[in-house]
Amino acid sequence: MSCLKNRLPNQSDRIFLTDGGLETDMIFNKGFELPAFASHTLLASATGRRALRAYFVSHLELAAEVGAGFILDTATWRAQREFADALKTSPGALREANEQAAAFAARLRSDYDNAASPVLVNGVVGPCGDGYAPDRIPTREEAEAYHGEQIRWLADAGVDFVSAITFTNTPEAVGFVRAAQGVDVPAVVSFTVETDGRLPSGQALDEAIDQVDAETGAAPVYFMINCAHPTHILPALDGGDWQQRLYGVRCNASKLSHAELDACAELDCGNPVELAEDYLRLLDVLPHANVFGGCCGSDLRHIQAIASQLMKRVPSVPA
């Protein structure tokens, strides 16, 4: 259990950092092959585990240096049944992978968690399809049954909360939240948006958040946006009351659209300093937000720049 005793970011006044784009960093910068973008496969070898530990330790040390909390993700975005065939594995092996990822994160937390820089373990759940394009939108019932399996694995492994990362549509998000409710684990929903600020399904962001809240009794502890550049997110922020439910962003380093990124043979890392300045623009319209990290194309350089800017604007306080 964390020093926060399960106190989540929306219950705290301090800034929480996350890591950057784990999968893109490992593939393009570290030279690893990740089939189906499955970072949990790194846990299968000593070399992979060392790389994963070094990656997270660098981010944990940054959080400690600036006095921020840290959201420590499990490497489980693709550790789910739909990708068993692509990964040439079995559901039983996937369950073990989720357990191993949670245990790996718990060990790291025990090394770095303290009152000045608390660490929370976040059980990561990815969409059941393409994170960039909703090629198949499940029903709420299908999503609840499907995601419920991985959520149970992660909850049993002792994560502090679970997060739906890079979700593209509301039925799947509703099913995810209901599944989390079923095992009494706190849930966060992080949608992705296109360059116009709308979900890949075409729905407006405010409508998506309101709909998930309406259909789940406002069960998500908070919402986030990830896998989009700040300039893609800003058009969706109209100052409405719904924005009070948004507590964090994990942005891509690149300004390219999802379709353009899919077609890229090389990684677009953008400009870390410019990205950090764009985060301040987001903070101007989301002054209560306190969870900040990176997504595709970002690495430690980007998180360092973001942290430097944010901590000048909103010094972290123990609360």
C-alpha atoms as a PDB file:
ATOM      1  CA  MET A   1       0.000   0.000   0.000  1.00  0.00           C
ATOM      2  CA  SER A   2       1.261   3.441  -0.877  1.00  0.00           C
ATOM      3  CA  CYS A   3       2.142   6.133   1.646  1.00  0.00           C
ATOM      4  CA  LEU A   4      -1.037   7.833   0.455  1.00  0.00           C
ATOM      5  CA  LYS A   5      -3.017   4.870   1.794  1.00  0.00           C
ATOM      6  CA  ASN A   6      -4.886   4.628  -1.496  1.00  0.00           C
ATOM      7  CA  ARG A   7      -5.499   8.380  -1.719  1.00  0.00           C
ATOM      8  CA  LEU A   8      -5.955   9.077  -5.411  1.00  0.00           C
ATOM      9  CA  PRO A   9      -4.879  12.226  -7.314  1.00  0.00           C
ATOM     10  CA  ASN A  10      -8.366  13.746  -7.350  1.00  0.00           C
ATOM     11  CA  GLN A  11      -8.213  13.685  -3.533  1.00  0.00           C
ATOM     12  CA  SER A  12      -4.861  15.465  -3.376  1.00  0.00           C
ATOM     13  CA  ASP A  13      -3.469  18.923  -4.066  1.00  0.00           C
ATOM     14  CA  ARG A  14      -0.080  17.701  -5.262  1.00  0.00           C
ATOM     15  CA  ILE A  15       1.117  17.181  -8.815  1.00  0.00           C
ATOM     16  CA  PHE A  16       1.461  13.577  -9.992  1.00  0.00           C
ATOM     17  CA  LEU A  17       3.737  12.657 -12.876  1.00  0.00           C
ATOM     18  CA  THR A  18       3.524   9.570 -15.051  1.00  0.00           C
ATOM     19  CA  ASP A  19       6.042   8.065 -17.435  1.00  0.00           C
ATOM     20  CA  GLY A  20       6.185   8.882 -21.147  1.00  0.00           C
ATOM     21  CA  GLY A  21       5.497   6.708 -24.181  1.00  0.00           C
ATOM     22  CA  LEU A  22       6.754   3.380 -22.869  1.00  0.00           C
ATOM     23  CA  GLU A  23       6.170   1.340 -26.002  1.00  0.00           C
ATOM     24  CA  THR A  24       7.528   3.862 -28.515  1.00  0.00           C
ATOM     25  CA  ASP A  25      10.563   4.530 -26.309  1.00  0.00           C
ATOM     26  CA  MET A  26      11.363   0.836 -26.018  1.00  0.00           C
ATOM     27  CA  ILE A  27      10.879   0.165 -29.737  1.00  0.00           C
ATOM     28  CA  PHE A  28      12.433   3.228 -31.353  1.00  0.00           C
ATOM     29  CA  ASN A  29      14.944   4.405 -28.741  1.00  0.00           C
ATOM     30  CA  LYS A  30      15.930   1.176 -27.005  1.00  0.00           C
ATOM     31  CA  GLY A  31      15.710  -1.232 -29.937  1.00  0.00           C
ATOM     32  CA  PHE A  32      13.267  -3.783 -28.493  1.00  0.00           C
ATOM     33  CA  GLU A  33      10.696  -5.645 -30.540  1.00  0.00           C
ATOM     34  CA  LEU A  34       7.248  -5.464 -28.943  1.00  0.00           C
ATOM     35  CA  PRO A  35       4.748  -7.619 -30.839  1.00  0.00           C
ATOM     36  CA  ALA A  36       1.317  -5.944 -30.908  1.00  0.00           C
ATOM     37  CA  PHE A  37       2.859  -3.091 -28.858  1.00  0.00           C
ATOM     38  CA  ALA A  38       2.799  -5.451 -25.863  1.00  0.00           C
ATOM     39  CA  SER A  39       5.215  -4.072 -23.271  1.00  0.00           C
ATOM     40  CA  HIS A  40       4.515  -6.901 -20.821  1.00  0.00           C
ATOM     41  CA  THR A  41       6.622  -9.134 -23.083  1.00  0.00           C
ATOM     42  CA  LEU A  42       9.669  -7.344 -21.664  1.00  0.00           C
ATOM     43  CA  LEU A  43       9.069  -9.130 -18.375  1.00  0.00           C
ATOM     44  CA  ALA A  44       9.877 -12.488 -19.980  1.00  0.00           C
ATOM     45  CA  SER A  45      13.642 -11.854 -20.116  1.00  0.00           C
ATOM     46  CA  ALA A  46      16.290 -10.523 -17.757  1.00  0.00           C
ATOM     47  CA  THR A  47      17.321  -7.990 -20.406  1.00  0.00           C
ATOM     48  CA  GLY A  48      13.755  -6.777 -20.781  1.00  0.00           C
ATOM     49  CA  ARG A  49      13.220  -6.527 -17.031  1.00  0.00           C
ATOM     50  CA  ARG A  50      16.405  -4.504 -16.616  1.00  0.00           C
ATOM     51  CA  ALA A  51      15.329  -2.127 -19.367  1.00  0.00           C
ATOM     52  CA  LEU A  52      11.851  -1.769 -17.894  1.00  0.00           C
ATOM     53  CA  ARG A  53      13.237  -1.114 -14.431  1.00  0.00           C
ATOM     54  CA  ALA A  54      15.735   1.461 -15.718  1.00  0.00           C
ATOM     55  CA  TYR A  55      12.960   3.181 -17.643  1.00  0.00           C
ATOM     56  CA  PHE A  56      10.640   3.523 -14.660  1.00  0.00           C
ATOM     57  CA  VAL A  57      13.434   4.302 -12.179  1.00  0.00           C
ATOM     58  CA  SER A  58      14.468   7.315 -14.263  1.00  0.00           C
ATOM     59  CA  HIS A  59      10.899   8.665 -14.070  1.00  0.00           C
ATOM     60  CA  LEU A  60      10.521   7.827 -10.375  1.00  0.00           C
ATOM     61  CA  GLU A  61      13.758   9.652  -9.585  1.00  0.00           C
ATOM     62  CA  LEU A  62      12.539  12.677 -11.533  1.00  0.00           C
ATOM     63  CA  ALA A  63       9.315  12.741  -9.497  1.00  0.00           C
ATOM     64  CA  ALA A  64      11.303  12.539  -6.268  1.00  0.00           C
ATOM     65  CA  GLU A  65      13.635  15.306  -7.450  1.00  0.00           C
ATOM     66  CA  VAL A  66      10.823  17.770  -8.113  1.00  0.00           C
ATOM     67  CA  GLY A  67       8.651  16.705  -5.161  1.00  0.00           C
ATOM     68  CA  ALA A  68       5.808  15.242  -7.175  1.00  0.00           C
ATOM     69  CA  GLY A  69       3.831  12.066  -6.694  1.00  0.00           C
ATOM     70  CA  PHE A  70       4.087   9.350  -9.318  1.00  0.00           C
ATOM     71  CA  ILE A  71       1.545   7.139 -11.062  1.00  0.00           C
ATOM     72  CA  LEU A  72       3.373   3.862 -11.749  1.00  0.00           C
ATOM     73  CA  ASP A  73       1.739   1.962 -14.597  1.00  0.00           C
ATOM     74  CA  THR A  74       1.668  -1.784 -14.970  1.00  0.00           C
ATOM     75  CA  ALA A  75       2.996  -2.830 -18.388  1.00  0.00           C
ATOM     76  CA  THR A  76      -0.323  -4.408 -19.323  1.00  0.00           C
ATOM     77  CA  TRP A  77      -1.875  -2.277 -22.088  1.00  0.00           C
ATOM     78  CA  ARG A  78      -1.951  -5.299 -24.414  1.00  0.00           C
ATOM     79  CA  ALA A  79      -2.036  -8.085 -21.801  1.00  0.00           C
ATOM     80  CA  GLN A  80      -5.601  -9.063 -22.649  1.00  0.00           C
ATOM     81  CA  ARG A  81      -7.388 -11.928 -24.348  1.00  0.00           C
ATOM     82  CA  GLU A  82      -7.950 -10.351 -27.782  1.00  0.00           C
ATOM     83  CA  PHE A  83      -4.205 -10.232 -28.392  1.00  0.00           C
ATOM     84  CA  ALA A  84      -3.486 -13.818 -27.336  1.00  0.00           C
ATOM     85  CA  ASP A  85      -3.212 -15.049 -30.925  1.00  0.00           C
ATOM     86  CA  ALA A  86      -0.985 -12.193 -32.067  1.00  0.00           C
ATOM     87  CA  LEU A  87       1.252 -12.804 -29.066  1.00  0.00           C
ATOM     88  CA  LYS A  88       1.123 -16.596 -29.495  1.00  0.00           C
ATOM     89  CA  THR A  89       0.124 -17.033 -25.894  1.00  0.00           C
ATOM     90  CA  SER A  90      -2.755 -18.360 -23.793  1.00  0.00           C
ATOM     91  CA  PRO A  91      -5.263 -16.705 -21.450  1.00  0.00           C
ATOM     92  CA  GLY A  92      -3.507 -18.413 -18.554  1.00  0.00           C
ATOM     93  CA  ALA A  93      -0.190 -16.923 -19.577  1.00  0.00           C
ATOM     94  CA  LEU A  94      -1.822 -13.509 -19.932  1.00  0.00           C
ATOM     95  CA  ARG A  95      -3.131 -13.751 -16.387  1.00  0.00           C
ATOM     96  CA  GLU A  96       0.397 -14.543 -15.201  1.00  0.00           C
ATOM     97  CA  ALA A  97       1.698 -11.577 -17.196  1.00  0.00           C
ATOM     98  CA  ASN A  98      -0.745  -9.232 -15.441  1.00  0.00           C
ATOM     99  CA  GLU A  99       0.244 -10.644 -12.064  1.00  0.00           C
ATOM    100  CA  GLN A 100       3.938 -10.324 -12.886  1.00  0.00           C
ATOM    101  CA  ALA A 101       3.502  -6.756 -14.118  1.00  0.00           C
ATOM    102  CA  ALA A 102       1.645  -5.764 -10.945  1.00  0.00           C
ATOM    103  CA  ALA A 103       4.274  -7.437  -8.762  1.00  0.00           C
ATOM    104  CA  PHE A 104       7.051  -5.715 -10.736  1.00  0.00           C
ATOM    105  CA  ALA A 105       5.402  -2.333 -10.160  1.00  0.00           C
ATOM    106  CA  ALA A 106       4.815  -3.100  -6.479  1.00  0.00           C
ATOM    107  CA  ARG A 107       8.502  -3.849  -5.968  1.00  0.00           C
ATOM    108  CA  LEU A 108       9.448  -0.559  -7.591  1.00  0.00           C
ATOM    109  CA  ARG A 109       6.959   1.271  -5.419  1.00  0.00           C
ATOM    110  CA  SER A 110       8.425  -0.238  -2.273  1.00  0.00           C
ATOM    111  CA  ASP A 111      11.814   1.175  -3.278  1.00  0.00           C
ATOM    112  CA  TYR A 112      10.624   4.709  -4.046  1.00  0.00           C
ATOM    113  CA  ASP A 113       7.336   5.433  -2.265  1.00  0.00           C
ATOM    114  CA  ASN A 114       7.583   7.996   0.531  1.00  0.00           C
ATOM    115  CA  ALA A 115       5.555  10.817   2.036  1.00  0.00           C
ATOM    116  CA  ALA A 116       7.358  13.479  -0.022  1.00  0.00           C
ATOM    117  CA  SER A 117       6.898  11.622  -3.318  1.00  0.00           C
ATOM    118  CA  PRO A 118       4.070   9.068  -2.987  1.00  0.00           C
ATOM    119  CA  VAL A 119       3.730   6.333  -5.600  1.00  0.00           C
ATOM    120  CA  LEU A 120       0.478   4.712  -6.716  1.00  0.00           C
ATOM    121  CA  VAL A 121       0.271   1.554  -8.831  1.00  0.00           C
ATOM    122  CA  ASN A 122      -2.076   1.930 -11.792  1.00  0.00           C
ATOM    123  CA  GLY A 123      -3.433  -1.208 -13.466  1.00  0.00           C
ATOM    124  CA  VAL A 124      -3.411  -0.352 -17.179  1.00  0.00           C
ATOM    125  CA  VAL A 125      -6.154  -1.698 -19.442  1.00  0.00           C
ATOM    126  CA  GLY A 126      -6.087  -0.985 -23.172  1.00  0.00           C
ATOM    127  CA  PRO A 127      -8.974  -0.997 -25.647  1.00  0.00           C
ATOM    128  CA  CYS A 128     -10.114  -4.314 -27.076  1.00  0.00           C
ATOM    129  CA  GLY A 129      -9.284  -3.069 -30.580  1.00  0.00           C
ATOM    130  CA  ASP A 130      -7.072  -0.519 -32.267  1.00  0.00           C
ATOM    131  CA  GLY A 131      -6.189   2.352 -29.955  1.00  0.00           C
ATOM    132  CA  TYR A 132      -6.211   4.775 -32.882  1.00  0.00           C
ATOM    133  CA  ALA A 133      -9.374   3.669 -34.694  1.00  0.00           C
ATOM    134  CA  PRO A 134     -12.525   1.984 -33.345  1.00  0.00           C
ATOM    135  CA  ASP A 135     -12.642  -0.795 -35.934  1.00  0.00           C
ATOM    136  CA  ARG A 136     -15.134  -2.608 -33.736  1.00  0.00           C
ATOM    137  CA  ILE A 137     -17.167  -0.946 -31.004  1.00  0.00           C
ATOM    138  CA  PRO A 138     -18.359  -3.480 -28.422  1.00  0.00           C
ATOM    139  CA  THR A 139     -21.656  -3.196 -26.617  1.00  0.00           C
ATOM    140  CA  ARG A 140     -21.587  -2.153 -22.997  1.00  0.00           C
ATOM    141  CA  GLU A 141     -22.295  -5.725 -21.963  1.00  0.00           C
ATOM    142  CA  GLU A 142     -19.554  -7.140 -24.186  1.00  0.00           C
ATOM    143  CA  ALA A 143     -17.036  -4.630 -22.866  1.00  0.00           C
ATOM    144  CA  GLU A 144     -17.976  -5.325 -19.249  1.00  0.00           C
ATOM    145  CA  ALA A 145     -17.479  -9.065 -19.697  1.00  0.00           C
ATOM    146  CA  TYR A 146     -14.321  -8.674 -21.757  1.00  0.00           C
ATOM    147  CA  HIS A 147     -12.487  -6.106 -19.637  1.00  0.00           C
ATOM    148  CA  GLY A 148     -13.772  -7.660 -16.430  1.00  0.00           C
ATOM    149  CA  GLU A 149     -11.322 -10.521 -16.848  1.00  0.00           C
ATOM    150  CA  GLN A 150      -8.206  -8.356 -16.893  1.00  0.00           C
ATOM    151  CA  ILE A 151      -9.577  -6.001 -14.255  1.00  0.00           C
ATOM    152  CA  ARG A 152     -10.074  -8.957 -11.895  1.00  0.00           C
ATOM    153  CA  TRP A 153      -6.519 -10.111 -12.519  1.00  0.00           C
ATOM    154  CA  LEU A 154      -5.140  -6.676 -11.722  1.00  0.00           C
ATOM    155  CA  ALA A 155      -7.402  -6.104  -8.724  1.00  0.00           C
ATOM    156  CA  ASP A 156      -6.441  -9.482  -7.261  1.00  0.00           C
ATOM    157  CA  ALA A 157      -2.792  -8.528  -7.780  1.00  0.00           C
ATOM    158  CA  GLY A 158      -3.284  -5.480  -5.536  1.00  0.00           C
ATOM    159  CA  VAL A 159      -3.168  -2.421  -7.814  1.00  0.00           C
ATOM    160  CA  ASP A 160      -4.414   0.841  -6.310  1.00  0.00           C
ATOM    161  CA  PHE A 161      -6.736   1.549  -9.227  1.00  0.00           C
ATOM    162  CA  VAL A 162      -7.277   0.625 -12.878  1.00  0.00           C
ATOM    163  CA  SER A 163      -7.226   2.916 -15.897  1.00  0.00           C
ATOM    164  CA  ALA A 164      -8.768   2.540 -19.332  1.00  0.00           C
ATOM    165  CA  ILE A 165      -6.036   3.986 -21.545  1.00  0.00           C
ATOM    166  CA  THR A 166      -6.538   5.249 -25.117  1.00  0.00           C
ATOM    167  CA  PHE A 167     -10.248   4.412 -25.237  1.00  0.00           C
ATOM    168  CA  THR A 168     -12.005   5.522 -28.394  1.00  0.00           C
ATOM    169  CA  ASN A 169     -15.726   5.241 -27.609  1.00  0.00           C
ATOM    170  CA  THR A 170     -18.250   5.432 -24.782  1.00  0.00           C
ATOM    171  CA  PRO A 171     -19.878   1.952 -24.837  1.00  0.00           C
ATOM    172  CA  GLU A 172     -16.503   0.348 -24.155  1.00  0.00           C
ATOM    173  CA  ALA A 173     -15.698   2.903 -21.470  1.00  0.00           C
ATOM    174  CA  VAL A 174     -19.042   2.290 -19.763  1.00  0.00           C
ATOM    175  CA  GLY A 175     -18.454  -1.468 -19.814  1.00  0.00           C
ATOM    176  CA  PHE A 176     -14.955  -0.996 -18.387  1.00  0.00           C
ATOM    177  CA  VAL A 177     -16.248   1.137 -15.515  1.00  0.00           C
ATOM    178  CA  ARG A 178     -19.059  -1.292 -14.714  1.00  0.00           C
ATOM    179  CA  ALA A 179     -16.566  -4.155 -14.628  1.00  0.00           C
ATOM    180  CA  ALA A 180     -14.392  -2.211 -12.185  1.00  0.00           C
ATOM    181  CA  GLN A 181     -17.433  -1.496 -10.042  1.00  0.00           C
ATOM    182  CA  GLY A 182     -18.106  -5.224  -9.969  1.00  0.00           C
ATOM    183  CA  VAL A 183     -14.834  -5.910  -8.161  1.00  0.00           C
ATOM    184  CA  ASP A 184     -14.850  -2.665  -6.168  1.00  0.00           C
ATOM    185  CA  VAL A 185     -11.643  -1.195  -7.612  1.00  0.00           C
ATOM    186  CA  PRO A 186     -11.405   2.545  -8.426  1.00  0.00           C
ATOM    187  CA  ALA A 187     -11.506   3.271 -12.155  1.00  0.00           C
ATOM    188  CA  VAL A 188     -10.143   6.060 -14.345  1.00  0.00           C
ATOM    189  CA  VAL A 189     -11.136   6.542 -17.980  1.00  0.00           C
ATOM    190  CA  SER A 190      -8.671   8.125 -20.405  1.00  0.00           C
ATOM    191  CA  PHE A 191     -10.083   8.897 -23.838  1.00  0.00           C
ATOM    192  CA  THR A 192      -8.061   9.707 -26.921  1.00  0.00           C
ATOM    193  CA  VAL A 193      -9.132  12.376 -29.413  1.00  0.00           C
ATOM    194  CA  GLU A 194      -8.447  13.257 -33.027  1.00  0.00           C
ATOM    195  CA  THR A 195      -7.053  16.583 -34.239  1.00  0.00           C
ATOM    196  CA  ASP A 196     -10.516  18.164 -33.925  1.00  0.00           C
ATOM    197  CA  GLY A 197     -10.828  17.250 -30.241  1.00  0.00           C
ATOM    198  CA  ARG A 198     -13.448  14.553 -30.880  1.00  0.00           C
ATOM    199  CA  LEU A 199     -13.147  10.880 -30.041  1.00  0.00           C
ATOM    200  CA  PRO A 200     -12.219   8.591 -32.955  1.00  0.00           C
ATOM    201  CA  SER A 201     -15.851   7.433 -32.823  1.00  0.00           C
ATOM    202  CA  GLY A 202     -16.836  10.995 -33.782  1.00  0.00           C
ATOM    203  CA  GLN A 203     -18.423  11.855 -30.437  1.00  0.00           C
ATOM    204  CA  ALA A 204     -17.603  15.153 -28.742  1.00  0.00           C
ATOM    205  CA  LEU A 205     -15.424  14.791 -25.655  1.00  0.00           C
ATOM    206  CA  ASP A 206     -17.858  16.563 -23.340  1.00  0.00           C
ATOM    207  CA  GLU A 207     -20.701  14.315 -24.500  1.00  0.00           C
ATOM    208  CA  ALA A 208     -18.567  11.212 -23.962  1.00  0.00           C
ATOM    209  CA  ILE A 209     -17.664  12.142 -20.393  1.00  0.00           C
ATOM    210  CA  ASP A 210     -21.229  13.128 -19.539  1.00  0.00           C
ATOM    211  CA  GLN A 211     -22.537   9.883 -21.017  1.00  0.00           C
ATOM    212  CA  VAL A 212     -20.137   7.663 -19.082  1.00  0.00           C
ATOM    213  CA  ASP A 213     -21.046   9.487 -15.877  1.00  0.00           C
ATOM    214  CA  ALA A 214     -24.768   9.220 -16.617  1.00  0.00           C
ATOM    215  CA  GLU A 215     -24.605   5.492 -17.303  1.00  0.00           C
ATOM    216  CA  THR A 216     -22.374   4.571 -14.358  1.00  0.00           C
ATOM    217  CA  GLY A 217     -23.576   6.905 -11.610  1.00  0.00           C
ATOM    218  CA  ALA A 218     -20.442   9.046 -12.050  1.00  0.00           C
ATOM    219  CA  ALA A 219     -18.378   6.054 -10.931  1.00  0.00           C
ATOM    220  CA  PRO A 220     -15.013   6.979 -12.528  1.00  0.00           C
ATOM    221  CA  VAL A 221     -12.843   8.702  -9.958  1.00  0.00           C
ATOM    222  CA  TYR A 222     -11.763  11.028 -12.760  1.00  0.00           C
ATOM    223  CA  PHE A 223     -11.170  11.225 -16.510  1.00  0.00           C
ATOM    224  CA  MET A 224      -8.037  11.847 -18.550  1.00  0.00           C
ATOM    225  CA  ILE A 225      -7.017  12.378 -22.175  1.00  0.00           C
ATOM    226  CA  ASN A 226      -4.059  10.615 -23.751  1.00  0.00           C
ATOM    227  CA  CYS A 227      -2.435   9.836 -27.094  1.00  0.00           C
ATOM    228  CA  ALA A 228      -3.143  13.258 -28.608  1.00  0.00           C
ATOM    229  CA  HIS A 229      -1.138  16.470 -28.845  1.00  0.00           C
ATOM    230  CA  PRO A 230      -2.220  19.428 -26.667  1.00  0.00           C
ATOM    231  CA  THR A 231      -3.226  21.332 -29.815  1.00  0.00           C
ATOM    232  CA  HIS A 232      -5.703  18.522 -30.544  1.00  0.00           C
ATOM    233  CA  ILE A 233      -7.179  18.679 -27.042  1.00  0.00           C
ATOM    234  CA  LEU A 234      -7.573  22.433 -26.648  1.00  0.00           C
ATOM    235  CA  PRO A 235     -10.401  22.756 -29.242  1.00  0.00           C
ATOM    236  CA  ALA A 236     -12.547  20.439 -27.117  1.00  0.00           C
ATOM    237  CA  LEU A 237     -12.195  22.477 -23.930  1.00  0.00           C
ATOM    238  CA  ASP A 238     -15.103  24.920 -23.889  1.00  0.00           C
ATOM    239  CA  GLY A 239     -15.078  25.859 -20.201  1.00  0.00           C
ATOM    240  CA  GLY A 240     -18.123  23.747 -19.353  1.00  0.00           C
ATOM    241  CA  ASP A 241     -18.725  22.136 -15.976  1.00  0.00           C
ATOM    242  CA  TRP A 242     -17.801  18.744 -17.451  1.00  0.00           C
ATOM    243  CA  GLN A 243     -14.160  19.819 -17.453  1.00  0.00           C
ATOM    244  CA  GLN A 244     -14.130  19.486 -13.663  1.00  0.00           C
ATOM    245  CA  ARG A 245     -14.034  15.728 -14.274  1.00  0.00           C
ATOM    246  CA  LEU A 246     -10.764  15.993 -16.250  1.00  0.00           C
ATOM    247  CA  TYR A 247      -7.769  15.574 -13.961  1.00  0.00           C
ATOM    248  CA  GLY A 248      -4.939  14.731 -16.297  1.00  0.00           C
ATOM    249  CA  VAL A 249      -3.340  14.529 -19.724  1.00  0.00           C
ATOM    250  CA  ARG A 250      -0.727  12.284 -21.285  1.00  0.00           C
ATOM    251  CA  CYS A 251       0.036  13.822 -24.658  1.00  0.00           C
ATOM    252  CA  ASN A 252       1.811  12.639 -27.775  1.00  0.00           C
ATOM    253  CA  ALA A 253       5.041  14.418 -28.617  1.00  0.00           C
ATOM    254  CA  SER A 254       3.958  14.807 -32.236  1.00  0.00           C
ATOM    255  CA  LYS A 255       1.326  17.095 -33.712  1.00  0.00           C
ATOM    256  CA  LEU A 256       0.553  14.496 -36.395  1.00  0.00           C
ATOM    257  CA  SER A 257      -2.855  12.849 -36.551  1.00  0.00           C
ATOM    258  CA  HIS A 258      -3.328   9.212 -35.585  1.00  0.00           C
ATOM    259  CA  ALA A 259      -3.505   8.234 -39.260  1.00  0.00           C
ATOM    260  CA  GLU A 260      -0.295  10.110 -40.024  1.00  0.00           C
ATOM    261  CA  LEU A 261       1.488   8.525 -37.058  1.00  0.00           C
ATOM    262  CA  ASP A 262       0.379   5.079 -38.200  1.00  0.00           C
ATOM    263  CA  ALA A 263       1.994   5.731 -41.581  1.00  0.00           C
ATOM    264  CA  CYS A 264       5.302   6.981 -40.132  1.00  0.00           C
ATOM    265  CA  ALA A 265       8.348   4.744 -40.456  1.00  0.00           C
ATOM    266  CA  GLU A 266      10.308   6.875 -37.976  1.00  0.00           C
ATOM    267  CA  LEU A 267       9.415   8.230 -34.570  1.00  0.00           C
ATOM    268  CA  ASP A 268       8.329  11.877 -34.411  1.00  0.00           C
ATOM    269  CA  CYS A 269       9.611  13.123 -31.042  1.00  0.00           C
ATOM    270  CA  GLY A 270       8.418  16.690 -31.525  1.00  0.00           C
ATOM    271  CA  ASN A 271      10.031  19.354 -29.356  1.00  0.00           C
ATOM    272  CA  PRO A 272      10.112  18.725 -25.574  1.00  0.00           C
ATOM    273  CA  VAL A 273      10.284  22.428 -24.668  1.00  0.00           C
ATOM    274  CA  GLU A 274       7.381  23.382 -26.941  1.00  0.00           C
ATOM    275  CA  LEU A 275       5.357  20.439 -25.639  1.00  0.00           C
ATOM    276  CA  ALA A 276       5.924  21.594 -22.048  1.00  0.00           C
ATOM    277  CA  GLU A 277       4.766  25.092 -22.963  1.00  0.00           C
ATOM    278  CA  ASP A 278       1.616  23.598 -24.481  1.00  0.00           C
ATOM    279  CA  TYR A 279       0.970  21.800 -21.185  1.00  0.00           C
ATOM    280  CA  LEU A 280       0.842  25.190 -19.495  1.00  0.00           C
ATOM    281  CA  ARG A 281      -1.855  26.228 -21.965  1.00  0.00           C
ATOM    282  CA  LEU A 282      -3.827  23.155 -20.938  1.00  0.00           C
ATOM    283  CA  LEU A 283      -3.308  24.046 -17.281  1.00  0.00           C
ATOM    284  CA  ASP A 284      -4.741  27.502 -17.961  1.00  0.00           C
ATOM    285  CA  VAL A 285      -8.099  25.935 -18.841  1.00  0.00           C
ATOM    286  CA  LEU A 286      -7.792  22.951 -16.469  1.00  0.00           C
ATOM    287  CA  PRO A 287      -6.393  24.607 -13.324  1.00  0.00           C
ATOM    288  CA  HIS A 288      -7.470  21.730 -11.072  1.00  0.00           C
ATOM    289  CA  ALA A 289      -5.714  19.049 -13.167  1.00  0.00           C
ATOM    290  CA  ASN A 290      -2.795  17.383 -11.409  1.00  0.00           C
ATOM    291  CA  VAL A 291      -1.819  14.259 -13.390  1.00  0.00           C
ATOM    292  CA  PHE A 292       0.657  14.865 -16.201  1.00  0.00           C
ATOM    293  CA  GLY A 293       2.767  12.556 -18.328  1.00  0.00           C
ATOM    294  CA  GLY A 294       3.454  11.534 -21.879  1.00  0.00           C
ATOM    295  CA  CYS A 295       2.288   9.151 -24.564  1.00  0.00           C
ATOM    296  CA  CYS A 296       3.534   8.123 -28.029  1.00  0.00           C
ATOM    297  CA  GLY A 297       6.856   9.648 -29.033  1.00  0.00           C
ATOM    298  CA  SER A 298       7.612  11.100 -25.614  1.00  0.00           C
ATOM    299  CA  ASP A 299      10.387   9.959 -23.302  1.00  0.00           C
ATOM    300  CA  LEU A 300      12.193  11.146 -20.183  1.00  0.00           C
ATOM    301  CA  ARG A 301      13.299  14.370 -21.909  1.00  0.00           C
ATOM    302  CA  HIS A 302       9.700  15.390 -22.456  1.00  0.00           C
ATOM    303  CA  ILE A 303       8.621  14.533 -18.911  1.00  0.00           C
ATOM    304  CA  GLN A 304      11.577  16.491 -17.522  1.00  0.00           C
ATOM    305  CA  ALA A 305      10.576  19.555 -19.540  1.00  0.00           C
ATOM    306  CA  ILE A 306       6.917  19.186 -18.551  1.00  0.00           C
ATOM    307  CA  ALA A 307       7.793  18.768 -14.875  1.00  0.00           C
ATOM    308  CA  SER A 308      10.078  21.792 -14.936  1.00  0.00           C
ATOM    309  CA  GLN A 309       7.335  24.026 -16.295  1.00  0.00           C
ATOM    310  CA  LEU A 310       4.542  22.623 -14.149  1.00  0.00           C
ATOM    311  CA  MET A 311       6.409  22.755 -10.873  1.00  0.00           C
ATOM    312  CA  LYS A 312       7.177  26.440 -11.447  1.00  0.00           C
ATOM    313  CA  ARG A 313       3.483  27.121 -11.947  1.00  0.00           C
ATOM    314  CA  VAL A 314       2.014  24.746  -9.355  1.00  0.00           C
ATOM    315  CA  PRO A 315       4.525  23.754  -6.673  1.00  0.00           C
ATOM    316  CA  SER A 316       3.653  20.354  -5.263  1.00  0.00           C
ATOM    317  CA  VAL A 317       2.433  20.333  -1.685  1.00  0.00           C
ATOM    318  CA  PRO A 318       1.935  17.374   0.651  1.00  0.00           C
ATOM    319  CA  ALA A 319      -1.808  16.951   0.827  1.00  0.00           C
END
